[in-house]
Amino acid sequence: MTPDELDTYRKGRAYDLVMTSTVNGVEYSRASLADIYWSFGEMLAYASRGTRLVPGDVIGSGTCGTGCILELSLVHGEEAYPWLRPGDEVALHVEHLGRLANKVVKGQPLAPLRSS
């Protein structure tokens, strides 16, 4: 979608586009991008205080809609919204913009702490 086509969805600080997040195909969150509190310009201005943002940097805007896995599991139970495990697929979708999906992989073990 081109910027001028996207402009038809402008509402307030953002755009009235449905955003969803799923884990292994199960919807965890749904919201409208128009409901964000801070615009992305404001978030970038805040994130760049005292540092330099460059192409390729990733800026996360936080949770939307129903909240994070902790909030969901406290309200609905960990069986309904389990914590992420290696092999899980997390997908984020914004209507008219696209979908981003990634598999959770096991991280490297932490190095032991050294005492001084």
PDB file of N, CA and C in Angstrom:
ATOM      1  N   MET A   1       0.848  -1.161   0.000  1.00  0.00           N
ATOM      2  CA  MET A   1       0.000   0.000   0.000  1.00  0.00           C
ATOM      3  C   MET A   1       0.904   1.238   0.000  1.00  0.00           C
ATOM      4  N   THR A   2       0.564   2.218  -0.798  1.00  0.00           N
ATOM      5  CA  THR A   2       1.345   3.444  -0.888  1.00  0.00           C
ATOM      6  C   THR A   2       0.927   4.418   0.214  1.00  0.00           C
ATOM      7  N   PRO A   3       1.800   5.379   0.556  1.00  0.00           N
ATOM      8  CA  PRO A   3       1.438   6.344   1.603  1.00  0.00           C
ATOM      9  C   PRO A   3       0.129   7.083   1.329  1.00  0.00           C
ATOM     10  N   ASP A   4      -0.131   7.457   0.070  1.00  0.00           N
ATOM     11  CA  ASP A   4      -1.375   8.176  -0.209  1.00  0.00           C
ATOM     12  C   ASP A   4      -2.597   7.274  -0.045  1.00  0.00           C
ATOM     13  N   GLU A   5      -2.466   5.975  -0.328  1.00  0.00           N
ATOM     14  CA  GLU A   5      -3.577   5.040  -0.094  1.00  0.00           C
ATOM     15  C   GLU A   5      -3.794   4.834   1.401  1.00  0.00           C
ATOM     16  N   LEU A   6      -2.719   4.789   2.154  1.00  0.00           N
ATOM     17  CA  LEU A   6      -2.803   4.614   3.597  1.00  0.00           C
ATOM     18  C   LEU A   6      -3.457   5.820   4.264  1.00  0.00           C
ATOM     19  N   ASP A   7      -3.299   7.001   3.687  1.00  0.00           N
ATOM     20  CA  ASP A   7      -3.831   8.220   4.293  1.00  0.00           C
ATOM     21  C   ASP A   7      -5.351   8.176   4.458  1.00  0.00           C
ATOM     22  N   THR A   8      -6.039   7.381   3.669  1.00  0.00           N
ATOM     23  CA  THR A   8      -7.501   7.282   3.815  1.00  0.00           C
ATOM     24  C   THR A   8      -7.885   6.641   5.153  1.00  0.00           C
ATOM     25  N   TYR A   9      -6.945   5.979   5.805  1.00  0.00           N
ATOM     26  CA  TYR A   9      -7.204   5.332   7.095  1.00  0.00           C
ATOM     27  C   TYR A   9      -6.726   6.172   8.279  1.00  0.00           C
ATOM     28  N   ARG A  10      -6.218   7.387   8.016  1.00  0.00           N
ATOM     29  CA  ARG A  10      -5.688   8.228   9.100  1.00  0.00           C
ATOM     30  C   ARG A  10      -6.783   8.549  10.105  1.00  0.00           C
ATOM     31  N   LYS A  11      -6.398   8.415  11.382  1.00  0.00           N
ATOM     32  CA  LYS A  11      -7.312   8.756  12.475  1.00  0.00           C
ATOM     33  C   LYS A  11      -6.463   9.185  13.665  1.00  0.00           C
ATOM     34  N   GLY A  12      -6.574  10.451  14.062  1.00  0.00           N
ATOM     35  CA  GLY A  12      -5.801  10.947  15.200  1.00  0.00           C
ATOM     36  C   GLY A  12      -4.306  10.888  14.935  1.00  0.00           C
ATOM     37  N   ARG A  13      -3.554  10.247  15.844  1.00  0.00           N
ATOM     38  CA  ARG A  13      -2.101  10.179  15.756  1.00  0.00           C
ATOM     39  C   ARG A  13      -1.599   9.091  14.811  1.00  0.00           C
ATOM     40  N   ALA A  14      -2.496   8.224  14.346  1.00  0.00           N
ATOM     41  CA  ALA A  14      -2.030   7.070  13.566  1.00  0.00           C
ATOM     42  C   ALA A  14      -3.062   6.728  12.487  1.00  0.00           C
ATOM     43  N   TYR A  15      -3.313   5.452  12.324  1.00  0.00           N
ATOM     44  CA  TYR A  15      -4.219   4.963  11.294  1.00  0.00           C
ATOM     45  C   TYR A  15      -5.161   3.935  11.903  1.00  0.00           C
ATOM     46  N   ASP A  16      -6.394   3.924  11.414  1.00  0.00           N
ATOM     47  CA  ASP A  16      -7.384   2.963  11.914  1.00  0.00           C
ATOM     48  C   ASP A  16      -7.206   1.640  11.169  1.00  0.00           C
ATOM     49  N   LEU A  17      -6.176   0.902  11.582  1.00  0.00           N
ATOM     50  CA  LEU A  17      -5.842  -0.394  10.992  1.00  0.00           C
ATOM     51  C   LEU A  17      -5.845  -1.434  12.106  1.00  0.00           C
ATOM     52  N   VAL A  18      -6.458  -2.574  11.851  1.00  0.00           N
ATOM     53  CA  VAL A  18      -6.508  -3.632  12.861  1.00  0.00           C
ATOM     54  C   VAL A  18      -5.149  -4.308  12.953  1.00  0.00           C
ATOM     55  N   MET A  19      -4.658  -4.420  14.197  1.00  0.00           N
ATOM     56  CA  MET A  19      -3.401  -5.114  14.473  1.00  0.00           C
ATOM     57  C   MET A  19      -3.736  -6.360  15.284  1.00  0.00           C
ATOM     58  N   THR A  20      -3.130  -7.494  14.919  1.00  0.00           N
ATOM     59  CA  THR A  20      -3.306  -8.714  15.701  1.00  0.00           C
ATOM     60  C   THR A  20      -1.950  -9.347  15.968  1.00  0.00           C
ATOM     61  N   SER A  21      -1.896 -10.079  17.080  1.00  0.00           N
ATOM     62  CA  SER A  21      -0.722 -10.906  17.352  1.00  0.00           C
ATOM     63  C   SER A  21      -1.225 -12.308  17.638  1.00  0.00           C
ATOM     64  N   THR A  22      -0.510 -13.292  17.107  1.00  0.00           N
ATOM     65  CA  THR A  22      -0.880 -14.689  17.332  1.00  0.00           C
ATOM     66  C   THR A  22       0.361 -15.473  17.739  1.00  0.00           C
ATOM     67  N   VAL A  23       0.118 -16.529  18.493  1.00  0.00           N
ATOM     68  CA  VAL A  23       1.162 -17.486  18.838  1.00  0.00           C
ATOM     69  C   VAL A  23       0.651 -18.842  18.391  1.00  0.00           C
ATOM     70  N   ASN A  24       1.359 -19.469  17.476  1.00  0.00           N
ATOM     71  CA  ASN A  24       0.951 -20.762  16.912  1.00  0.00           C
ATOM     72  C   ASN A  24      -0.482 -20.723  16.399  1.00  0.00           C
ATOM     73  N   GLY A  25      -0.860 -19.591  15.793  1.00  0.00           N
ATOM     74  CA  GLY A  25      -2.186 -19.438  15.203  1.00  0.00           C
ATOM     75  C   GLY A  25      -3.276 -19.032  16.176  1.00  0.00           C
ATOM     76  N   VAL A  26      -2.982 -18.948  17.469  1.00  0.00           N
ATOM     77  CA  VAL A  26      -3.963 -18.542  18.475  1.00  0.00           C
ATOM     78  C   VAL A  26      -3.835 -17.036  18.694  1.00  0.00           C
ATOM     79  N   GLU A  27      -4.933 -16.321  18.541  1.00  0.00           N
ATOM     80  CA  GLU A  27      -4.887 -14.870  18.708  1.00  0.00           C
ATOM     81  C   GLU A  27      -4.655 -14.509  20.169  1.00  0.00           C
ATOM     82  N   TYR A  28      -3.656 -13.693  20.413  1.00  0.00           N
ATOM     83  CA  TYR A  28      -3.337 -13.214  21.753  1.00  0.00           C
ATOM     84  C   TYR A  28      -3.774 -11.760  21.924  1.00  0.00           C
ATOM     85  N   SER A  29      -3.799 -10.984  20.851  1.00  0.00           N
ATOM     86  CA  SER A  29      -4.118  -9.573  20.981  1.00  0.00           C
ATOM     87  C   SER A  29      -4.733  -9.049  19.689  1.00  0.00           C
ATOM     88  N   ARG A  30      -5.623  -8.057  19.861  1.00  0.00           N
ATOM     89  CA  ARG A  30      -6.259  -7.378  18.726  1.00  0.00           C
ATOM     90  C   ARG A  30      -6.515  -5.939  19.151  1.00  0.00           C
ATOM     91  N   ALA A  31      -6.167  -4.995  18.294  1.00  0.00           N
ATOM     92  CA  ALA A  31      -6.379  -3.581  18.594  1.00  0.00           C
ATOM     93  C   ALA A  31      -6.326  -2.778  17.302  1.00  0.00           C
ATOM     94  N   SER A  32      -6.674  -1.517  17.409  1.00  0.00           N
ATOM     95  CA  SER A  32      -6.530  -0.594  16.292  1.00  0.00           C
ATOM     96  C   SER A  32      -5.286   0.253  16.521  1.00  0.00           C
ATOM     97  N   LEU A  33      -4.502   0.433  15.475  1.00  0.00           N
ATOM     98  CA  LEU A  33      -3.324   1.281  15.564  1.00  0.00           C
ATOM     99  C   LEU A  33      -3.717   2.707  15.953  1.00  0.00           C
ATOM    100  N   ALA A  34      -4.951   3.120  15.626  1.00  0.00           N
ATOM    101  CA  ALA A  34      -5.410   4.473  15.954  1.00  0.00           C
ATOM    102  C   ALA A  34      -5.508   4.701  17.456  1.00  0.00           C
ATOM    103  N   ASP A  35      -5.511   3.634  18.250  1.00  0.00           N
ATOM    104  CA  ASP A  35      -5.647   3.764  19.700  1.00  0.00           C
ATOM    105  C   ASP A  35      -4.323   3.987  20.426  1.00  0.00           C
ATOM    106  N   ILE A  36      -3.205   4.102  19.694  1.00  0.00           N
ATOM    107  CA  ILE A  36      -1.926   4.303  20.372  1.00  0.00           C
ATOM    108  C   ILE A  36      -1.921   5.648  21.095  1.00  0.00           C
ATOM    109  N   TYR A  37      -1.226   5.680  22.215  1.00  0.00           N
ATOM    110  CA  TYR A  37      -1.185   6.894  23.030  1.00  0.00           C
ATOM    111  C   TYR A  37      -0.187   7.907  22.480  1.00  0.00           C
ATOM    112  N   TRP A  38       1.003   7.416  22.087  1.00  0.00           N
ATOM    113  CA  TRP A  38       2.044   8.271  21.530  1.00  0.00           C
ATOM    114  C   TRP A  38       2.182   7.970  20.045  1.00  0.00           C
ATOM    115  N   SER A  39       2.396   8.994  19.220  1.00  0.00           N
ATOM    116  CA  SER A  39       2.620   8.756  17.793  1.00  0.00           C
ATOM    117  C   SER A  39       3.998   8.115  17.623  1.00  0.00           C
ATOM    118  N   PHE A  40       4.231   7.488  16.480  1.00  0.00           N
ATOM    119  CA  PHE A  40       5.547   6.905  16.246  1.00  0.00           C
ATOM    120  C   PHE A  40       6.622   7.984  16.173  1.00  0.00           C
ATOM    121  N   GLY A  41       6.284   9.152  15.666  1.00  0.00           N
ATOM    122  CA  GLY A  41       7.235  10.254  15.667  1.00  0.00           C
ATOM    123  C   GLY A  41       7.655  10.620  17.082  1.00  0.00           C
ATOM    124  N   GLU A  42       6.690  10.680  17.993  1.00  0.00           N
ATOM    125  CA  GLU A  42       6.996  10.984  19.396  1.00  0.00           C
ATOM    126  C   GLU A  42       7.826   9.870  20.033  1.00  0.00           C
ATOM    127  N   MET A  43       7.486   8.600  19.719  1.00  0.00           N
ATOM    128  CA  MET A  43       8.263   7.483  20.269  1.00  0.00           C
ATOM    129  C   MET A  43       9.701   7.500  19.758  1.00  0.00           C
ATOM    130  N   LEU A  44       9.882   7.811  18.470  1.00  0.00           N
ATOM    131  CA  LEU A  44      11.234   7.884  17.908  1.00  0.00           C
ATOM    132  C   LEU A  44      12.019   9.048  18.516  1.00  0.00           C
ATOM    133  N   ALA A  45      11.358  10.178  18.709  1.00  0.00           N
ATOM    134  CA  ALA A  45      12.032  11.317  19.332  1.00  0.00           C
ATOM    135  C   ALA A  45      12.484  10.941  20.739  1.00  0.00           C
ATOM    136  N   TYR A  46      11.647  10.263  21.497  1.00  0.00           N
ATOM    137  CA  TYR A  46      11.999   9.858  22.857  1.00  0.00           C
ATOM    138  C   TYR A  46      13.126   8.820  22.839  1.00  0.00           C
ATOM    139  N   ALA A  47      13.010   7.828  21.957  1.00  0.00           N
ATOM    140  CA  ALA A  47      14.013   6.754  21.895  1.00  0.00           C
ATOM    141  C   ALA A  47      15.376   7.270  21.450  1.00  0.00           C
ATOM    142  N   SER A  48      15.411   8.357  20.721  1.00  0.00           N
ATOM    143  CA  SER A  48      16.688   8.848  20.193  1.00  0.00           C
ATOM    144  C   SER A  48      17.361   9.872  21.097  1.00  0.00           C
ATOM    145  N   ARG A  49      16.784  10.140  22.262  1.00  0.00           N
ATOM    146  CA  ARG A  49      17.444  11.071  23.189  1.00  0.00           C
ATOM    147  C   ARG A  49      18.762  10.459  23.652  1.00  0.00           C
ATOM    148  N   GLY A  50      19.850  11.151  23.434  1.00  0.00           N
ATOM    149  CA  GLY A  50      21.148  10.697  23.917  1.00  0.00           C
ATOM    150  C   GLY A  50      21.762   9.576  23.090  1.00  0.00           C
ATOM    151  N   THR A  51      21.163   9.249  21.969  1.00  0.00           N
ATOM    152  CA  THR A  51      21.732   8.207  21.104  1.00  0.00           C
ATOM    153  C   THR A  51      21.367   8.528  19.664  1.00  0.00           C
ATOM    154  N   ARG A  52      21.882   7.754  18.766  1.00  0.00           N
ATOM    155  CA  ARG A  52      21.615   7.962  17.345  1.00  0.00           C
ATOM    156  C   ARG A  52      20.875   6.749  16.804  1.00  0.00           C
ATOM    157  N   LEU A  53      19.727   6.967  16.193  1.00  0.00           N
ATOM    158  CA  LEU A  53      19.002   5.893  15.524  1.00  0.00           C
ATOM    159  C   LEU A  53      19.476   5.811  14.082  1.00  0.00           C
ATOM    160  N   VAL A  54      19.680   4.589  13.602  1.00  0.00           N
ATOM    161  CA  VAL A  54      20.140   4.387  12.232  1.00  0.00           C
ATOM    162  C   VAL A  54      19.234   3.376  11.533  1.00  0.00           C
ATOM    163  N   PRO A  55      19.236   3.383  10.204  1.00  0.00           N
ATOM    164  CA  PRO A  55      18.429   2.390   9.487  1.00  0.00           C
ATOM    165  C   PRO A  55      18.760   0.981   9.968  1.00  0.00           C
ATOM    166  N   GLY A  56      17.723   0.199  10.204  1.00  0.00           N
ATOM    167  CA  GLY A  56      17.904  -1.161  10.696  1.00  0.00           C
ATOM    168  C   GLY A  56      17.620  -1.284  12.184  1.00  0.00           C
ATOM    169  N   ASP A  57      17.638  -0.166  12.920  1.00  0.00           N
ATOM    170  CA  ASP A  57      17.261  -0.211  14.334  1.00  0.00           C
ATOM    171  C   ASP A  57      15.794  -0.610  14.441  1.00  0.00           C
ATOM    172  N   VAL A  58      15.474  -1.372  15.447  1.00  0.00           N
ATOM    173  CA  VAL A  58      14.099  -1.808  15.668  1.00  0.00           C
ATOM    174  C   VAL A  58      13.574  -1.097  16.907  1.00  0.00           C
ATOM    175  N   ILE A  59      12.432  -0.455  16.763  1.00  0.00           N
ATOM    176  CA  ILE A  59      11.801   0.253  17.871  1.00  0.00           C
ATOM    177  C   ILE A  59      10.460  -0.439  18.132  1.00  0.00           C
ATOM    178  N   GLY A  60      10.273  -0.920  19.352  1.00  0.00           N
ATOM    179  CA  GLY A  60       9.005  -1.548  19.728  1.00  0.00           C
ATOM    180  C   GLY A  60       8.116  -0.550  20.437  1.00  0.00           C
ATOM    181  N   SER A  61       6.827  -0.596  20.131  1.00  0.00           N
ATOM    182  CA  SER A  61       5.899   0.376  20.707  1.00  0.00           C
ATOM    183  C   SER A  61       5.191  -0.145  21.946  1.00  0.00           C
ATOM    184  N   GLY A  62       5.466  -1.360  22.346  1.00  0.00           N
ATOM    185  CA  GLY A  62       4.804  -1.914  23.525  1.00  0.00           C
ATOM    186  C   GLY A  62       3.573  -2.727  23.158  1.00  0.00           C
ATOM    187  N   THR A  63       2.840  -3.122  24.177  1.00  0.00           N
ATOM    188  CA  THR A  63       1.670  -3.971  23.951  1.00  0.00           C
ATOM    189  C   THR A  63       0.502  -3.148  23.442  1.00  0.00           C
ATOM    190  N   CYS A  64      -0.439  -3.835  22.843  1.00  0.00           N
ATOM    191  CA  CYS A  64      -1.666  -3.189  22.383  1.00  0.00           C
ATOM    192  C   CYS A  64      -2.836  -4.116  22.691  1.00  0.00           C
ATOM    193  N   GLY A  65      -4.006  -3.572  22.617  1.00  0.00           N
ATOM    194  CA  GLY A  65      -5.201  -4.400  22.792  1.00  0.00           C
ATOM    195  C   GLY A  65      -5.287  -5.026  24.157  1.00  0.00           C
ATOM    196  N   THR A  66      -5.224  -6.339  24.188  1.00  0.00           N
ATOM    197  CA  THR A  66      -5.468  -7.074  25.427  1.00  0.00           C
ATOM    198  C   THR A  66      -4.259  -7.181  26.326  1.00  0.00           C
ATOM    199  N   GLY A  67      -3.093  -6.706  25.910  1.00  0.00           N
ATOM    200  CA  GLY A  67      -1.934  -6.697  26.782  1.00  0.00           C
ATOM    201  C   GLY A  67      -0.934  -7.777  26.456  1.00  0.00           C
ATOM    202  N   CYS A  68      -0.042  -8.026  27.427  1.00  0.00           N
ATOM    203  CA  CYS A  68       1.053  -8.965  27.232  1.00  0.00           C
ATOM    204  C   CYS A  68       0.682 -10.355  27.764  1.00  0.00           C
ATOM    205  N   ILE A  69       1.556 -11.326  27.537  1.00  0.00           N
ATOM    206  CA  ILE A  69       1.297 -12.702  27.972  1.00  0.00           C
ATOM    207  C   ILE A  69       1.126 -12.772  29.489  1.00  0.00           C
ATOM    208  N   LEU A  70       1.889 -11.996  30.236  1.00  0.00           N
ATOM    209  CA  LEU A  70       1.738 -12.002  31.694  1.00  0.00           C
ATOM    210  C   LEU A  70       0.317 -11.601  32.088  1.00  0.00           C
ATOM    211  N   GLU A  71      -0.170 -10.503  31.532  1.00  0.00           N
ATOM    212  CA  GLU A  71      -1.522 -10.043  31.853  1.00  0.00           C
ATOM    213  C   GLU A  71      -2.576 -11.060  31.423  1.00  0.00           C
ATOM    214  N   LEU A  72      -2.417 -11.607  30.221  1.00  0.00           N
ATOM    215  CA  LEU A  72      -3.378 -12.593  29.723  1.00  0.00           C
ATOM    216  C   LEU A  72      -3.396 -13.843  30.578  1.00  0.00           C
ATOM    217  N   SER A  73      -2.213 -14.343  30.977  1.00  0.00           N
ATOM    218  CA  SER A  73      -2.167 -15.578  31.758  1.00  0.00           C
ATOM    219  C   SER A  73      -2.667 -15.357  33.183  1.00  0.00           C
ATOM    220  N   LEU A  74      -2.487 -14.164  33.742  1.00  0.00           N
ATOM    221  CA  LEU A  74      -3.016 -13.880  35.073  1.00  0.00           C
ATOM    222  C   LEU A  74      -4.542 -13.847  35.068  1.00  0.00           C
ATOM    223  N   VAL A  75      -5.121 -13.296  34.014  1.00  0.00           N
ATOM    224  CA  VAL A  75      -6.582 -13.164  33.928  1.00  0.00           C
ATOM    225  C   VAL A  75      -7.241 -14.461  33.468  1.00  0.00           C
ATOM    226  N   HIS A  76      -6.674 -15.113  32.457  1.00  0.00           N
ATOM    227  CA  HIS A  76      -7.332 -16.261  31.818  1.00  0.00           C
ATOM    228  C   HIS A  76      -6.672 -17.598  32.116  1.00  0.00           C
ATOM    229  N   GLY A  77      -5.525 -17.578  32.758  1.00  0.00           N
ATOM    230  CA  GLY A  77      -4.821 -18.819  33.064  1.00  0.00           C
ATOM    231  C   GLY A  77      -3.704 -19.098  32.076  1.00  0.00           C
ATOM    232  N   GLU A  78      -2.639 -19.701  32.586  1.00  0.00           N
ATOM    233  CA  GLU A  78      -1.474 -20.000  31.756  1.00  0.00           C
ATOM    234  C   GLU A  78      -1.774 -21.074  30.720  1.00  0.00           C
ATOM    235  N   GLU A  79      -2.794 -21.901  30.962  1.00  0.00           N
ATOM    236  CA  GLU A  79      -3.159 -22.928  29.972  1.00  0.00           C
ATOM    237  C   GLU A  79      -3.701 -22.266  28.704  1.00  0.00           C
ATOM    238  N   ALA A  80      -4.464 -21.174  28.865  1.00  0.00           N
ATOM    239  CA  ALA A  80      -5.036 -20.478  27.711  1.00  0.00           C
ATOM    240  C   ALA A  80      -3.989 -19.647  26.974  1.00  0.00           C
ATOM    241  N   TYR A  81      -3.060 -19.051  27.722  1.00  0.00           N
ATOM    242  CA  TYR A  81      -2.028 -18.192  27.146  1.00  0.00           C
ATOM    243  C   TYR A  81      -0.670 -18.578  27.716  1.00  0.00           C
ATOM    244  N   PRO A  82      -0.104 -19.692  27.245  1.00  0.00           N
ATOM    245  CA  PRO A  82       1.179 -20.145  27.796  1.00  0.00           C
ATOM    246  C   PRO A  82       2.330 -19.233  27.385  1.00  0.00           C
ATOM    247  N   TRP A  83       3.405 -19.288  28.181  1.00  0.00           N
ATOM    248  CA  TRP A  83       4.626 -18.556  27.876  1.00  0.00           C
ATOM    249  C   TRP A  83       5.248 -19.100  26.588  1.00  0.00           C
ATOM    250  N   LEU A  84       6.002 -18.270  25.910  1.00  0.00           N
ATOM    251  CA  LEU A  84       6.653 -18.678  24.664  1.00  0.00           C
ATOM    252  C   LEU A  84       7.717 -19.733  24.940  1.00  0.00           C
ATOM    253  N   ARG A  85       7.795 -20.699  24.010  1.00  0.00           N
ATOM    254  CA  ARG A  85       8.791 -21.775  24.096  1.00  0.00           C
ATOM    255  C   ARG A  85       9.478 -21.914  22.740  1.00  0.00           C
ATOM    256  N   PRO A  86      10.693 -22.465  22.728  1.00  0.00           N
ATOM    257  CA  PRO A  86      11.352 -22.701  21.439  1.00  0.00           C
ATOM    258  C   PRO A  86      10.433 -23.500  20.510  1.00  0.00           C
ATOM    259  N   GLY A  87      10.370 -23.075  19.267  1.00  0.00           N
ATOM    260  CA  GLY A  87       9.515 -23.715  18.272  1.00  0.00           C
ATOM    261  C   GLY A  87       8.214 -22.981  18.042  1.00  0.00           C
ATOM    262  N   ASP A  88       7.782 -22.132  18.991  1.00  0.00           N
ATOM    263  CA  ASP A  88       6.549 -21.367  18.813  1.00  0.00           C
ATOM    264  C   ASP A  88       6.718 -20.357  17.682  1.00  0.00           C
ATOM    265  N   GLU A  89       5.643 -20.115  16.948  1.00  0.00           N
ATOM    266  CA  GLU A  89       5.651 -19.075  15.921  1.00  0.00           C
ATOM    267  C   GLU A  89       4.848 -17.883  16.427  1.00  0.00           C
ATOM    268  N   VAL A  90       5.480 -16.713  16.452  1.00  0.00           N
ATOM    269  CA  VAL A  90       4.822 -15.476  16.839  1.00  0.00           C
ATOM    270  C   VAL A  90       4.621 -14.668  15.561  1.00  0.00           C
ATOM    271  N   ALA A  91       3.375 -14.256  15.322  1.00  0.00           N
ATOM    272  CA  ALA A  91       3.075 -13.489  14.111  1.00  0.00           C
ATOM    273  C   ALA A  91       2.366 -12.195  14.485  1.00  0.00           C
ATOM    274  N   LEU A  92       2.775 -11.120  13.861  1.00  0.00           N
ATOM    275  CA  LEU A  92       2.151  -9.810  14.012  1.00  0.00           C
ATOM    276  C   LEU A  92       1.603  -9.408  12.659  1.00  0.00           C
ATOM    277  N   HIS A  93       0.361  -8.926  12.650  1.00  0.00           N
ATOM    278  CA  HIS A  93      -0.279  -8.558  11.399  1.00  0.00           C
ATOM    279  C   HIS A  93      -0.944  -7.198  11.552  1.00  0.00           C
ATOM    280  N   VAL A  94      -0.745  -6.329  10.576  1.00  0.00           N
ATOM    281  CA  VAL A  94      -1.454  -5.054  10.510  1.00  0.00           C
ATOM    282  C   VAL A  94      -2.155  -5.038   9.166  1.00  0.00           C
ATOM    283  N   GLU A  95      -3.489  -4.879   9.206  1.00  0.00           N
ATOM    284  CA  GLU A  95      -4.246  -4.946   7.952  1.00  0.00           C
ATOM    285  C   GLU A  95      -3.733  -3.919   6.951  1.00  0.00           C
ATOM    286  N   HIS A  96      -3.702  -4.295   5.706  1.00  0.00           N
ATOM    287  CA  HIS A  96      -3.232  -3.492   4.568  1.00  0.00           C
ATOM    288  C   HIS A  96      -1.717  -3.282   4.542  1.00  0.00           C
ATOM    289  N   LEU A  97      -0.997  -3.639   5.623  1.00  0.00           N
ATOM    290  CA  LEU A  97       0.453  -3.454   5.637  1.00  0.00           C
ATOM    291  C   LEU A  97       1.211  -4.763   5.532  1.00  0.00           C
ATOM    292  N   GLY A  98       0.736  -5.805   6.211  1.00  0.00           N
ATOM    293  CA  GLY A  98       1.415  -7.081   6.082  1.00  0.00           C
ATOM    294  C   GLY A  98       1.525  -7.838   7.394  1.00  0.00           C
ATOM    295  N   ARG A  99       2.256  -8.940   7.298  1.00  0.00           N
ATOM    296  CA  ARG A  99       2.409  -9.875   8.407  1.00  0.00           C
ATOM    297  C   ARG A  99       3.892 -10.185   8.586  1.00  0.00           C
ATOM    298  N   LEU A 100       4.309 -10.235   9.845  1.00  0.00           N
ATOM    299  CA  LEU A 100       5.674 -10.593  10.196  1.00  0.00           C
ATOM    300  C   LEU A 100       5.594 -11.777  11.137  1.00  0.00           C
ATOM    301  N   ALA A 101       6.260 -12.881  10.790  1.00  0.00           N
ATOM    302  CA  ALA A 101       6.217 -14.083  11.627  1.00  0.00           C
ATOM    303  C   ALA A 101       7.633 -14.587  11.872  1.00  0.00           C
ATOM    304  N   ASN A 102       7.877 -15.019  13.098  1.00  0.00           N
ATOM    305  CA  ASN A 102       9.184 -15.558  13.470  1.00  0.00           C
ATOM    306  C   ASN A 102       9.014 -16.716  14.431  1.00  0.00           C
ATOM    307  N   LYS A 103       9.945 -17.654  14.356  1.00  0.00           N
ATOM    308  CA  LYS A 103       9.979 -18.789  15.284  1.00  0.00           C
ATOM    309  C   LYS A 103      10.828 -18.419  16.488  1.00  0.00           C
ATOM    310  N   VAL A 104      10.394 -18.848  17.669  1.00  0.00           N
ATOM    311  CA  VAL A 104      11.176 -18.667  18.884  1.00  0.00           C
ATOM    312  C   VAL A 104      12.260 -19.742  18.883  1.00  0.00           C
ATOM    313  N   VAL A 105      13.496 -19.334  19.110  1.00  0.00           N
ATOM    314  CA  VAL A 105      14.614 -20.282  19.161  1.00  0.00           C
ATOM    315  C   VAL A 105      15.238 -20.251  20.545  1.00  0.00           C
ATOM    316  N   LYS A 106      15.845 -21.348  20.913  1.00  0.00           N
ATOM    317  CA  LYS A 106      16.521 -21.437  22.203  1.00  0.00           C
ATOM    318  C   LYS A 106      17.763 -20.562  22.171  1.00  0.00           C
ATOM    319  N   GLY A 107      17.935 -19.745  23.199  1.00  0.00           N
ATOM    320  CA  GLY A 107      19.087 -18.865  23.278  1.00  0.00           C
ATOM    321  C   GLY A 107      20.312 -19.580  23.815  1.00  0.00           C
ATOM    322  N   GLN A 108      21.439 -18.926  23.690  1.00  0.00           N
ATOM    323  CA  GLN A 108      22.684 -19.443  24.234  1.00  0.00           C
ATOM    324  C   GLN A 108      22.621 -19.389  25.756  1.00  0.00           C
ATOM    325  N   PRO A 109      23.236 -20.339  26.438  1.00  0.00           N
ATOM    326  CA  PRO A 109      23.246 -20.275  27.900  1.00  0.00           C
ATOM    327  C   PRO A 109      23.981 -19.030  28.380  1.00  0.00           C
ATOM    328  N   LEU A 110      23.553 -18.510  29.523  1.00  0.00           N
ATOM    329  CA  LEU A 110      24.223 -17.348  30.102  1.00  0.00           C
ATOM    330  C   LEU A 110      25.595 -17.733  30.624  1.00  0.00           C
ATOM    331  N   ALA A 111      26.525 -16.833  30.428  1.00  0.00           N
ATOM    332  CA  ALA A 111      27.870 -17.057  30.978  1.00  0.00           C
ATOM    333  C   ALA A 111      27.788 -16.943  32.496  1.00  0.00           C
ATOM    334  N   PRO A 112      28.558 -17.748  33.219  1.00  0.00           N
ATOM    335  CA  PRO A 112      28.518 -17.642  34.682  1.00  0.00           C
ATOM    336  C   PRO A 112      29.050 -16.288  35.143  1.00  0.00           C
ATOM    337  N   LEU A 113      28.479 -15.799  36.236  1.00  0.00           N
ATOM    338  CA  LEU A 113      28.951 -14.547  36.807  1.00  0.00           C
ATOM    339  C   LEU A 113      30.297 -14.739  37.459  1.00  0.00           C
ATOM    340  N   ARG A 114      31.150 -13.773  37.277  1.00  0.00           N
ATOM    341  CA  ARG A 114      32.478 -13.831  37.910  1.00  0.00           C
ATOM    342  C   ARG A 114      32.449 -12.984  39.172  1.00  0.00           C
ATOM    343  N   SER A 115      33.025 -13.502  40.210  1.00  0.00           N
ATOM    344  CA  SER A 115      33.140 -12.694  41.424  1.00  0.00           C
ATOM    345  C   SER A 115      34.463 -11.943  41.380  1.00  0.00           C
ATOM    346  N   SER A 116      34.454 -10.749  41.944  1.00  0.00           N
ATOM    347  CA  SER A 116      35.686  -9.943  41.882  1.00  0.00           C
ATOM    348  C   SER A 116      36.432  -9.955  43.197  1.00  0.00           C
TER     349      SER A 116
END
